Protein backbone atom coordinates (compact mmCIF):
# COMPACT_ATOMS: atom_id res chain seq x y z
CA UNK A 1 -10.91 9.40 17.37
CA UNK A 2 -8.33 10.54 14.90
CA UNK A 3 -6.85 13.58 14.56
CA UNK A 4 -5.31 15.07 11.81
CA UNK A 5 -4.43 14.15 8.34
CA UNK A 6 -4.10 11.91 5.64
CA UNK A 7 -3.62 13.65 1.49
CA UNK A 8 -2.77 11.09 -1.18
CA UNK A 9 -1.05 13.38 -4.27
CA UNK A 10 -1.02 13.02 -7.33
CA UNK A 11 2.19 12.28 -8.84
CA UNK A 12 4.80 13.24 -11.89
CA UNK A 13 6.04 9.60 -12.39
CA UNK A 14 3.59 7.05 -13.95
CA UNK A 15 3.71 3.89 -11.19
CA UNK A 16 4.07 6.27 -8.32
CA UNK A 17 1.61 7.01 -5.90
CA UNK A 18 2.75 9.67 -2.70
CA UNK A 19 1.10 10.14 0.43
CA UNK A 20 1.22 12.75 3.28
CA UNK A 21 -0.25 11.91 6.89
CA UNK A 22 -0.26 13.27 9.82
CA UNK A 23 -2.37 11.85 12.03
CA UNK A 24 -3.11 9.60 15.48
CA UNK A 25 -5.26 7.46 13.19
CA UNK A 26 -4.29 3.47 14.06
CA UNK A 27 -4.46 1.55 10.41
CA UNK A 28 -5.79 -1.76 10.94
CA UNK A 29 -4.09 -4.90 9.20
CA UNK A 30 -4.13 -4.29 5.50
CA UNK A 31 -1.60 -4.68 2.29
CA UNK A 32 -0.57 -2.25 -0.17
CA UNK A 33 -0.46 -3.57 -4.22
CA UNK A 34 3.12 -2.43 -4.63
CA UNK A 35 6.35 -1.60 -2.98
CA UNK A 36 6.32 1.11 -0.40
CA UNK A 37 9.03 3.09 0.87
CA UNK A 38 9.05 6.16 3.21
CA UNK A 39 10.52 8.47 6.21
CA UNK A 40 8.56 8.90 9.59
CA UNK A 41 8.87 13.18 9.71
CA UNK A 42 7.84 13.47 13.35
CA UNK A 43 7.01 11.22 16.06
CA UNK A 44 6.95 7.76 16.05
CA UNK A 45 4.95 4.44 14.78
CA UNK A 46 4.36 0.98 16.19
CA UNK A 47 3.63 -1.58 13.21
CA UNK A 48 2.76 -5.72 13.15
CA UNK A 49 5.04 -5.51 10.64
CA UNK A 50 4.82 -9.05 8.32
CA UNK A 51 8.85 -9.53 9.17
CA UNK A 52 8.36 -8.59 12.47
CA UNK A 53 6.96 -6.54 14.55
CA UNK A 54 8.84 -3.20 14.77
CA UNK A 55 8.93 0.62 15.99
CA UNK A 56 9.87 3.47 13.78
CA UNK A 57 10.80 7.12 14.36
CA UNK A 58 11.73 10.50 13.60
CA UNK A 59 14.43 10.12 10.34
CA UNK A 60 13.89 6.30 10.11
CA UNK A 61 12.71 4.87 6.56
CA UNK A 62 9.99 2.19 6.05
CA UNK A 63 8.82 -0.05 3.76
CA UNK A 64 6.86 -2.70 2.74
CA UNK A 65 6.84 -5.32 0.37
CA UNK A 66 3.61 -6.35 -1.98
CA UNK A 67 0.84 -8.24 -0.26
CA UNK A 68 2.46 -7.91 3.04
CA UNK A 69 0.20 -7.26 5.77
CA UNK A 70 0.57 -4.79 8.54
CA UNK A 71 -0.90 -2.44 11.02
CA UNK A 72 0.54 0.78 12.53
CA UNK A 73 -0.29 2.74 15.56
CA UNK A 74 1.13 6.12 17.22
CA UNK A 75 3.81 5.81 20.04
CA UNK A 76 1.43 8.22 21.74
CA UNK A 77 -1.39 10.48 21.78
CA UNK A 78 0.48 13.38 19.56
CA UNK A 79 0.59 10.97 16.34
CA UNK A 80 2.94 10.68 14.23
CA UNK A 81 4.06 11.99 10.48
CA UNK A 82 5.40 10.66 7.62
CA UNK A 83 5.94 10.71 3.84
CA UNK A 84 5.30 7.50 1.27
CA UNK A 85 5.98 6.66 -1.84
CA UNK A 86 4.42 3.27 -3.31
CA UNK A 87 5.91 2.12 -6.41
CA UNK A 88 3.74 -0.18 -9.00
CA UNK A 89 5.78 -3.85 -9.06
CA UNK A 90 6.26 -2.90 -12.66
CA UNK A 91 8.06 0.61 -12.50
CA UNK A 92 10.51 -1.14 -9.75
CA UNK A 93 11.49 -4.25 -11.42
CA UNK A 94 11.94 -1.96 -15.07
CA UNK A 95 14.18 0.27 -13.18
CA UNK A 96 15.82 -2.14 -11.46
CA UNK A 97 16.40 -4.77 -14.06
CA UNK A 98 18.37 -1.52 -16.15
CA UNK A 99 20.97 -1.50 -13.04
CA UNK A 100 21.43 -5.34 -11.78
CA UNK A 101 20.35 -8.34 -12.85
CA UNK A 102 20.12 -9.61 -9.43
CA UNK A 103 16.63 -7.63 -8.44
CA UNK A 104 14.10 -10.07 -10.01
CA UNK A 105 10.26 -10.67 -8.69
CA UNK A 106 11.74 -13.15 -5.91
CA UNK A 107 13.57 -10.07 -4.11
CA UNK A 108 11.84 -8.23 -1.14
CA UNK A 109 12.95 -5.51 0.95
CA UNK A 110 14.88 -6.39 4.01
CA UNK A 111 13.97 -4.22 6.61
CA UNK A 112 10.72 -2.96 7.40
CA UNK A 113 12.34 0.19 9.44
CA UNK A 114 16.17 0.95 9.22
CA UNK A 115 18.52 4.30 9.89
CA UNK A 116 19.94 5.09 6.47
CA UNK A 117 20.77 8.77 6.30
CA UNK A 118 21.91 8.37 2.27
CA UNK A 119 18.40 6.65 1.63
CA UNK A 120 16.78 9.48 3.30
CA UNK A 121 17.99 11.67 1.32
CA UNK A 122 17.24 9.81 -1.80
CA UNK A 123 14.10 9.32 -0.99
CA UNK A 124 13.33 13.04 -0.29
CA UNK A 125 15.13 14.14 -3.39
CA UNK A 126 12.54 11.44 -5.49
CA UNK A 127 9.48 12.66 -3.48
CA UNK A 128 10.16 15.96 -3.83
CA UNK A 129 10.33 15.26 -7.62
CA UNK A 130 7.50 13.35 -7.89
CA UNK A 131 5.06 15.21 -5.96
CA UNK A 132 6.08 19.15 -6.97
CA UNK A 133 6.35 20.67 -10.21
CA UNK A 134 7.89 23.91 -8.81
CA UNK A 135 11.27 22.14 -7.06
CA UNK A 136 11.41 19.70 -10.97
CA UNK A 137 9.99 20.52 -13.62
CA UNK A 138 12.66 18.46 -15.76
CA UNK A 139 11.53 14.74 -16.37
CA UNK A 140 15.25 13.83 -16.31
CA UNK A 141 15.86 14.71 -13.16
CA UNK A 142 12.78 13.32 -11.92
CA UNK A 143 14.05 9.52 -13.96
CA UNK A 144 17.35 10.12 -12.11
CA UNK A 145 16.13 10.50 -9.18
CA UNK A 146 13.88 7.16 -9.84
CA UNK A 147 17.12 5.52 -10.63
CA UNK A 148 19.47 6.81 -7.67
CA UNK A 149 16.78 5.50 -4.85
CA UNK A 150 16.32 2.28 -6.62
CA UNK A 151 19.94 1.47 -7.12
CA UNK A 152 20.56 2.24 -3.39
CA UNK A 153 17.39 0.21 -2.76
CA UNK A 154 18.61 -2.48 -4.90
CA UNK A 155 22.54 -2.63 -3.35
CA UNK A 156 21.51 -2.61 -0.24
CA UNK A 157 18.00 -3.25 1.27
CA UNK A 158 17.13 -6.54 -0.62
CA UNK A 159 17.17 -9.73 -0.52
CA UNK A 160 15.75 -13.12 -2.57
CA UNK A 161 11.92 -13.61 -0.94
CA UNK A 162 11.78 -17.31 0.28
CA UNK A 163 9.85 -19.86 -1.84
CA UNK A 164 6.11 -19.36 -1.08
CA UNK A 165 3.66 -22.56 -1.15
CA UNK A 166 0.60 -21.28 -1.32
CA UNK A 167 -2.04 -24.02 -0.97
CA UNK A 168 -4.15 -24.15 -4.63
CA UNK A 169 -7.43 -23.84 -3.00
CA UNK A 170 -6.80 -21.02 -1.22
CA UNK A 171 -5.53 -18.94 -4.49
CA UNK A 172 -8.48 -20.45 -6.21
CA UNK A 173 -10.50 -18.59 -3.35
CA UNK A 174 -8.38 -15.28 -3.48
CA UNK A 175 -8.74 -15.09 -7.19
CA UNK A 176 -12.80 -15.06 -6.59
CA UNK A 177 -12.32 -11.68 -4.74
CA UNK A 178 -10.06 -10.62 -6.99
CA UNK A 179 -11.88 -10.79 -10.49
CA UNK A 180 -14.93 -9.33 -8.87
CA UNK A 181 -15.03 -7.86 -5.16
CA UNK A 182 -17.46 -5.84 -5.67
CA UNK A 183 -19.74 -9.66 -5.76
CA UNK A 184 -21.78 -10.37 -2.50
CA UNK A 185 -20.09 -13.72 -2.68
CA UNK A 186 -20.61 -15.80 1.37
CA UNK A 187 -18.32 -17.29 3.36
CA UNK A 188 -19.62 -20.60 1.56
CA UNK A 189 -19.36 -19.84 -2.06
CA UNK A 190 -15.62 -18.93 -1.65
CA UNK A 191 -15.27 -22.73 0.50
CA UNK A 192 -17.33 -24.46 -2.60
CA UNK A 193 -14.49 -22.39 -5.07
CA UNK A 194 -11.88 -23.72 -2.84
CA UNK A 195 -13.82 -27.18 -2.18
CA UNK A 196 -12.88 -27.45 1.22
CA UNK A 197 -15.53 -26.52 4.45
CA UNK A 198 -15.27 -22.85 5.59
CA UNK A 199 -13.91 -22.90 8.43
CA UNK A 200 -11.57 -25.10 6.57
CA UNK A 201 -11.10 -21.82 3.83
CA UNK A 202 -11.67 -19.10 7.14
CA UNK A 203 -8.38 -20.84 8.48
CA UNK A 204 -6.29 -21.57 5.40
CA UNK A 205 -7.08 -18.02 4.07
CA UNK A 206 -6.13 -16.18 7.20
CA UNK A 207 -2.81 -18.34 7.71
CA UNK A 208 -1.74 -17.85 3.80
CA UNK A 209 -2.93 -14.18 3.24
CA UNK A 210 -2.97 -12.35 6.82
CA UNK A 211 -6.15 -10.96 6.86
CA UNK A 212 -9.59 -13.28 6.78
CA UNK A 213 -11.64 -13.46 3.39
CA UNK A 214 -14.31 -10.81 4.58
CA UNK A 215 -11.23 -7.94 5.38
CA UNK A 216 -9.04 -9.10 2.41
CA UNK A 217 -12.97 -8.23 0.23
CA UNK A 218 -13.19 -5.04 1.84
CA UNK A 219 -9.54 -4.11 0.62
CA UNK A 220 -10.03 -4.99 -2.85
CA UNK A 221 -13.32 -3.16 -2.83
CA UNK A 222 -12.10 -0.13 -1.30
CA UNK A 223 -8.96 -0.27 -4.56
CA UNK A 224 -11.88 -1.20 -7.01
CA UNK A 225 -13.80 2.40 -5.58
CA UNK A 226 -10.17 4.50 -5.84
CA UNK A 227 -9.73 3.19 -9.28
CA UNK A 228 -13.34 4.12 -10.31
CA UNK A 229 -12.98 7.41 -8.32
CA UNK A 230 -9.73 8.03 -9.97
CA UNK A 231 -11.25 7.59 -14.01
CA UNK A 232 -14.08 10.22 -12.85
CA UNK A 233 -16.60 8.06 -11.83
CA UNK A 234 -19.17 10.11 -9.24
CA UNK A 235 -18.84 8.87 -5.33
CA UNK A 236 -22.02 7.46 -5.14
CA UNK A 237 -21.61 5.37 -8.22
CA UNK A 238 -18.01 3.93 -7.21
CA UNK A 239 -19.59 3.17 -4.20
CA UNK A 240 -22.66 1.16 -5.95
CA UNK A 241 -19.66 -0.06 -8.94
CA UNK A 242 -17.49 -1.64 -5.86
CA UNK A 243 -20.01 -3.60 -3.72
CA UNK A 244 -20.54 -0.92 -0.92
CA UNK A 245 -23.76 -0.84 0.47
CA UNK A 246 -23.90 3.11 -0.49
CA UNK A 247 -21.79 5.93 0.04
CA UNK A 248 -21.65 6.17 3.45
CA UNK A 249 -20.58 2.86 3.89
CA UNK A 250 -17.65 3.85 1.03
CA UNK A 251 -17.01 6.35 3.25
CA UNK A 252 -16.46 4.64 6.58
CA UNK A 253 -13.94 1.63 4.65
CA UNK A 254 -11.97 4.82 2.91
CA UNK A 255 -11.44 6.54 6.76
CA UNK A 256 -10.34 3.17 8.20
CA UNK A 257 -8.67 1.87 5.74
CA UNK A 258 -6.50 5.00 4.04
CA UNK A 259 -7.06 7.40 6.76
CA UNK A 260 -8.78 10.16 3.98
CA UNK A 261 -12.32 10.16 2.90
CA UNK A 262 -13.40 9.51 -0.74
CA UNK A 263 -14.13 12.99 -1.42
CA UNK A 264 -10.65 13.69 -0.44
CA UNK A 265 -9.36 11.13 -2.49
CA UNK A 266 -11.31 12.21 -5.30
CA UNK A 267 -9.96 15.91 -4.72
CA UNK A 268 -6.42 14.38 -5.44
CA UNK A 269 -6.22 12.45 -8.24
CA UNK A 270 -8.32 14.67 -10.22
CA UNK A 271 -6.34 17.68 -9.32
CA UNK A 272 -4.78 19.15 -13.07
């Protein structure tokens, strides 16, 4: 049974999303579209990261790369608390491009968990600047906090990503889901798109993306529902528009993947 709360907070910086969490919820395997950088505030977490199994404890910095499949469970029944910022890749690359020519689209964050006191300080300054208008009402101060963090990350916590030789048939199946996650696709539809058997598609998709097709489509449906809700759609309309059977189905998917309900997400994204 999940205890605690997960809150998504509207940020004053475009391309940045913030999360505050204190929960015992065990998050299933999933990925994010952007770079994630955060700090464990209390307790500890165990994760099967795309860069290996890790444990993080209070004051550790945690990171994830775009598309990196990972999960997350508390180390004990007391749960854990953390603050997280998710950076749109374009935001990260634009800011980093002003600082160095080495931070390219082939760069990835190196360590899923690191103990770096200076990075923690810079994260906390950016987090406060991004989410707390009272703490930082100045756009220039926000920019300075953003650039300082990305400069530190680029200098100390990045490396060139290994080349990925994605199979074209699997890529076609992925694009089919990405283009219309609400569609009632079957495994046979995706296999036909990829030009392979259902078994080959299932095995190859999970190997390439770290998730089976159904789980990947559910993640994309949640992402689509988030966009619909953030732009003003009623929850029931967002559920239908994203391909869920009904609002209850969408709610279960939100809680499982994000740790929050669609109503809580709507309240966070629509607040002035």
